[in-house]
Amino acid sequence: MDGHILCNNSKRFAKNSFNLLNMKKSENVETYIDQFDGIVKERLEIIRSIIKENAPEAEEMISYGMPGYKVKKKPLVYFAGYKNHVGFYATPTGHEAFKEELSGYKQGKGSVQFPHDEEFPKDLIARIVRFRVEENMNK
């Protein structure tokens, strides 16, 4: 079982990959989060609450197989659970605006990985969400 995570529905996820073929298709964010256990589920719930608190007008959905949010019909942020980290996707502009603070994390274009063995940057996530809301409201 090394390199895999078991979720409540006993489906396997390949290490650090988002394998939609093995994942129960979620109809909403709550069922997506409920597939996970332990720290992964806890951190997904924290991100969801941060988004709802800082973007109460955001439309919540499943997009690209993961929780996503829109403001003014424009993408705001997405997130996903993995064995060793939570993926957070705030579009390239959201990451560019916080590049210095995100520099200690593994990143891709418009994505960042928050490892489970490090402190969870709740305040940083909240500031990124607020930045993205402001950005979408001004477009």
C-alpha atoms as a PDB file:
ATOM      1  CA  MET A   1       0.000   0.000   0.000  1.00  0.00           C
ATOM      2  CA  ASP A   2       3.032   2.274   0.096  1.00  0.00           C
ATOM      3  CA  GLY A   3       2.455   5.386  -2.013  1.00  0.00           C
ATOM      4  CA  HIS A   4      -1.339   5.200  -1.841  1.00  0.00           C
ATOM      5  CA  ILE A   5      -3.986   6.802   0.311  1.00  0.00           C
ATOM      6  CA  LEU A   6      -7.216   5.130   1.333  1.00  0.00           C
ATOM      7  CA  CYS A   7     -10.294   7.257   1.620  1.00  0.00           C
ATOM      8  CA  ASN A   8     -13.642   6.544   3.265  1.00  0.00           C
ATOM      9  CA  ASN A   9     -14.877   4.778   0.152  1.00  0.00           C
ATOM     10  CA  SER A  10     -11.749   2.549   0.078  1.00  0.00           C
ATOM     11  CA  LYS A  11     -10.666   3.817  -3.328  1.00  0.00           C
ATOM     12  CA  ARG A  12      -6.930   4.132  -3.916  1.00  0.00           C
ATOM     13  CA  PHE A  13      -5.164   7.266  -5.044  1.00  0.00           C
ATOM     14  CA  ALA A  14      -1.720   7.045  -6.614  1.00  0.00           C
ATOM     15  CA  LYS A  15       0.945   8.857  -4.615  1.00  0.00           C
ATOM     16  CA  ASN A  16       0.772  12.589  -5.225  1.00  0.00           C
ATOM     17  CA  SER A  17      -1.440  12.228  -8.277  1.00  0.00           C
ATOM     18  CA  PHE A  18      -5.031  13.116  -8.820  1.00  0.00           C
ATOM     19  CA  ASN A  19      -6.359   9.937 -10.378  1.00  0.00           C
ATOM     20  CA  LEU A  20      -9.932  10.589 -11.466  1.00  0.00           C
ATOM     21  CA  LEU A  21     -10.345   7.020 -12.693  1.00  0.00           C
ATOM     22  CA  ASN A  22     -10.000   5.684  -9.138  1.00  0.00           C
ATOM     23  CA  MET A  23     -11.895   8.461  -7.423  1.00  0.00           C
ATOM     24  CA  LYS A  24     -15.610   8.408  -6.805  1.00  0.00           C
ATOM     25  CA  LYS A  25     -17.032  11.245  -8.862  1.00  0.00           C
ATOM     26  CA  SER A  26     -18.224  13.948  -6.504  1.00  0.00           C
ATOM     27  CA  GLU A  27     -21.439  15.815  -7.110  1.00  0.00           C
ATOM     28  CA  ASN A  28     -20.531  18.611  -4.724  1.00  0.00           C
ATOM     29  CA  VAL A  29     -17.718  19.878  -2.521  1.00  0.00           C
ATOM     30  CA  GLU A  30     -19.042  18.175   0.600  1.00  0.00           C
ATOM     31  CA  THR A  31     -19.009  14.701  -0.999  1.00  0.00           C
ATOM     32  CA  TYR A  32     -15.546  15.408  -2.410  1.00  0.00           C
ATOM     33  CA  ILE A  33     -14.170  16.224   1.046  1.00  0.00           C
ATOM     34  CA  ASP A  34     -15.988  13.298   2.674  1.00  0.00           C
ATOM     35  CA  GLN A  35     -13.936  10.858   0.582  1.00  0.00           C
ATOM     36  CA  PHE A  36     -10.856  11.718   2.626  1.00  0.00           C
ATOM     37  CA  ASP A  37      -9.786  10.937   6.182  1.00  0.00           C
ATOM     38  CA  GLY A  38      -7.462  12.413   8.785  1.00  0.00           C
ATOM     39  CA  ILE A  39      -5.319  15.445   8.116  1.00  0.00           C
ATOM     40  CA  VAL A  40      -6.257  15.550   4.419  1.00  0.00           C
ATOM     41  CA  LYS A  41      -9.966  15.904   5.233  1.00  0.00           C
ATOM     42  CA  GLU A  42      -9.242  18.359   8.036  1.00  0.00           C
ATOM     43  CA  ARG A  43      -7.199  20.635   5.771  1.00  0.00           C
ATOM     44  CA  LEU A  44      -9.732  20.474   2.936  1.00  0.00           C
ATOM     45  CA  GLU A  45     -12.441  21.528   5.395  1.00  0.00           C
ATOM     46  CA  ILE A  46     -10.230  24.391   6.609  1.00  0.00           C
ATOM     47  CA  ILE A  47      -9.635  25.666   3.069  1.00  0.00           C
ATOM     48  CA  ARG A  48     -13.352  25.452   2.298  1.00  0.00           C
ATOM     49  CA  SER A  49     -14.217  27.472   5.414  1.00  0.00           C
ATOM     50  CA  ILE A  50     -11.514  30.062   4.606  1.00  0.00           C
ATOM     51  CA  ILE A  51     -12.955  30.501   1.114  1.00  0.00           C
ATOM     52  CA  LYS A  52     -16.541  30.769   2.374  1.00  0.00           C
ATOM     53  CA  GLU A  53     -15.506  33.319   5.009  1.00  0.00           C
ATOM     54  CA  ASN A  54     -13.460  35.468   2.629  1.00  0.00           C
ATOM     55  CA  ALA A  55     -15.614  35.069  -0.486  1.00  0.00           C
ATOM     56  CA  PRO A  56     -19.184  34.560   0.783  1.00  0.00           C
ATOM     57  CA  GLU A  57     -20.570  35.470  -2.645  1.00  0.00           C
ATOM     58  CA  ALA A  58     -18.522  32.775  -4.402  1.00  0.00           C
ATOM     59  CA  GLU A  59     -20.302  30.041  -6.313  1.00  0.00           C
ATOM     60  CA  GLU A  60     -19.108  26.612  -5.151  1.00  0.00           C
ATOM     61  CA  MET A  61     -18.810  23.705  -7.616  1.00  0.00           C
ATOM     62  CA  ILE A  62     -16.797  20.705  -8.694  1.00  0.00           C
ATOM     63  CA  SER A  63     -14.636  21.617 -11.661  1.00  0.00           C
ATOM     64  CA  TYR A  64     -11.741  19.646 -13.141  1.00  0.00           C
ATOM     65  CA  GLY A  65     -12.680  16.936 -10.605  1.00  0.00           C
ATOM     66  CA  MET A  66     -11.920  19.159  -7.594  1.00  0.00           C
ATOM     67  CA  PRO A  67     -13.633  21.859  -5.527  1.00  0.00           C
ATOM     68  CA  GLY A  68     -13.716  25.163  -7.341  1.00  0.00           C
ATOM     69  CA  TYR A  69     -15.151  28.605  -6.739  1.00  0.00           C
ATOM     70  CA  LYS A  70     -16.229  31.445  -9.007  1.00  0.00           C
ATOM     71  CA  VAL A  71     -16.935  35.113  -8.389  1.00  0.00           C
ATOM     72  CA  LYS A  72     -18.765  37.051 -11.092  1.00  0.00           C
ATOM     73  CA  LYS A  73     -18.705  33.844 -13.183  1.00  0.00           C
ATOM     74  CA  LYS A  74     -14.881  33.966 -13.231  1.00  0.00           C
ATOM     75  CA  PRO A  75     -12.628  31.322 -11.632  1.00  0.00           C
ATOM     76  CA  LEU A  76     -11.513  32.259  -8.138  1.00  0.00           C
ATOM     77  CA  VAL A  77      -9.608  29.296  -6.615  1.00  0.00           C
ATOM     78  CA  TYR A  78      -9.561  25.492  -6.613  1.00  0.00           C
ATOM     79  CA  PHE A  79      -8.145  22.944  -4.179  1.00  0.00           C
ATOM     80  CA  ALA A  80      -7.502  19.205  -4.030  1.00  0.00           C
ATOM     81  CA  GLY A  81      -6.437  16.592  -1.500  1.00  0.00           C
ATOM     82  CA  TYR A  82      -3.387  14.349  -1.877  1.00  0.00           C
ATOM     83  CA  LYS A  83      -1.523  11.925   0.349  1.00  0.00           C
ATOM     84  CA  ASN A  84       1.321  14.285   1.253  1.00  0.00           C
ATOM     85  CA  HIS A  85      -0.108  17.728   0.552  1.00  0.00           C
ATOM     86  CA  VAL A  86      -3.091  19.873  -0.338  1.00  0.00           C
ATOM     87  CA  GLY A  87      -2.974  21.434  -3.778  1.00  0.00           C
ATOM     88  CA  PHE A  88      -4.172  25.033  -3.980  1.00  0.00           C
ATOM     89  CA  TYR A  89      -4.820  26.666  -7.338  1.00  0.00           C
ATOM     90  CA  ALA A  90      -5.338  30.421  -7.335  1.00  0.00           C
ATOM     91  CA  THR A  91      -4.525  31.015 -11.020  1.00  0.00           C
ATOM     92  CA  PRO A  92      -1.195  32.398 -12.125  1.00  0.00           C
ATOM     93  CA  THR A  93      -2.062  35.953 -11.012  1.00  0.00           C
ATOM     94  CA  GLY A  94      -2.930  34.838  -7.497  1.00  0.00           C
ATOM     95  CA  HIS A  95       0.358  33.035  -7.146  1.00  0.00           C
ATOM     96  CA  GLU A  96       2.391  35.783  -8.769  1.00  0.00           C
ATOM     97  CA  ALA A  97       1.069  38.353  -6.284  1.00  0.00           C
ATOM     98  CA  PHE A  98       2.268  36.184  -3.363  1.00  0.00           C
ATOM     99  CA  LYS A  99       5.354  34.672  -4.985  1.00  0.00           C
ATOM    100  CA  GLU A 100       7.704  35.660  -2.178  1.00  0.00           C
ATOM    101  CA  GLU A 101       5.510  34.133   0.541  1.00  0.00           C
ATOM    102  CA  LEU A 102       4.905  31.016  -1.562  1.00  0.00           C
ATOM    103  CA  SER A 103       8.580  30.594  -2.443  1.00  0.00           C
ATOM    104  CA  GLY A 104       9.135  27.992   0.280  1.00  0.00           C
ATOM    105  CA  TYR A 105       6.546  25.653  -1.242  1.00  0.00           C
ATOM    106  CA  LYS A 106       6.638  23.424  -4.305  1.00  0.00           C
ATOM    107  CA  GLN A 107       4.842  25.256  -7.115  1.00  0.00           C
ATOM    108  CA  GLY A 108       3.697  25.083 -10.685  1.00  0.00           C
ATOM    109  CA  LYS A 109       2.125  27.760 -12.848  1.00  0.00           C
ATOM    110  CA  GLY A 110      -0.914  28.775 -10.816  1.00  0.00           C
ATOM    111  CA  SER A 111      -0.515  25.988  -8.253  1.00  0.00           C
ATOM    112  CA  VAL A 112       1.132  25.403  -4.901  1.00  0.00           C
ATOM    113  CA  GLN A 113       1.506  22.384  -2.630  1.00  0.00           C
ATOM    114  CA  PHE A 114       1.032  22.774   1.122  1.00  0.00           C
ATOM    115  CA  PRO A 115       2.679  19.680   2.689  1.00  0.00           C
ATOM    116  CA  HIS A 116       0.908  17.944   5.571  1.00  0.00           C
ATOM    117  CA  ASP A 117       4.098  17.793   7.613  1.00  0.00           C
ATOM    118  CA  GLU A 118       4.337  21.605   7.774  1.00  0.00           C
ATOM    119  CA  GLU A 119       2.220  24.245   9.467  1.00  0.00           C
ATOM    120  CA  PHE A 120      -0.867  24.997   7.384  1.00  0.00           C
ATOM    121  CA  PRO A 121      -0.708  28.647   6.154  1.00  0.00           C
ATOM    122  CA  LYS A 122      -4.329  29.615   6.858  1.00  0.00           C
ATOM    123  CA  ASP A 123      -3.661  33.354   6.924  1.00  0.00           C
ATOM    124  CA  LEU A 124      -1.796  33.228   3.617  1.00  0.00           C
ATOM    125  CA  ILE A 125      -4.619  31.247   1.987  1.00  0.00           C
ATOM    126  CA  ALA A 126      -7.156  33.800   3.270  1.00  0.00           C
ATOM    127  CA  ARG A 127      -5.121  36.705   1.874  1.00  0.00           C
ATOM    128  CA  ILE A 128      -4.806  34.983  -1.509  1.00  0.00           C
ATOM    129  CA  VAL A 129      -8.558  34.370  -1.622  1.00  0.00           C
ATOM    130  CA  ARG A 130      -9.283  38.024  -0.773  1.00  0.00           C
ATOM    131  CA  PHE A 131      -6.810  39.137  -3.452  1.00  0.00           C
ATOM    132  CA  ARG A 132      -8.517  36.926  -6.035  1.00  0.00           C
ATOM    133  CA  VAL A 133     -11.987  38.222  -5.039  1.00  0.00           C
ATOM    134  CA  GLU A 134     -10.798  41.804  -5.465  1.00  0.00           C
ATOM    135  CA  GLU A 135      -9.200  40.904  -8.785  1.00  0.00           C
ATOM    136  CA  ASN A 136     -12.414  39.299 -10.089  1.00  0.00           C
ATOM    137  CA  MET A 137     -14.603  42.166  -8.848  1.00  0.00           C
ATOM    138  CA  ASN A 138     -12.477  44.682 -10.747  1.00  0.00           C
ATOM    139  CA  LYS A 139     -12.538  42.844 -14.074  1.00  0.00           C
END
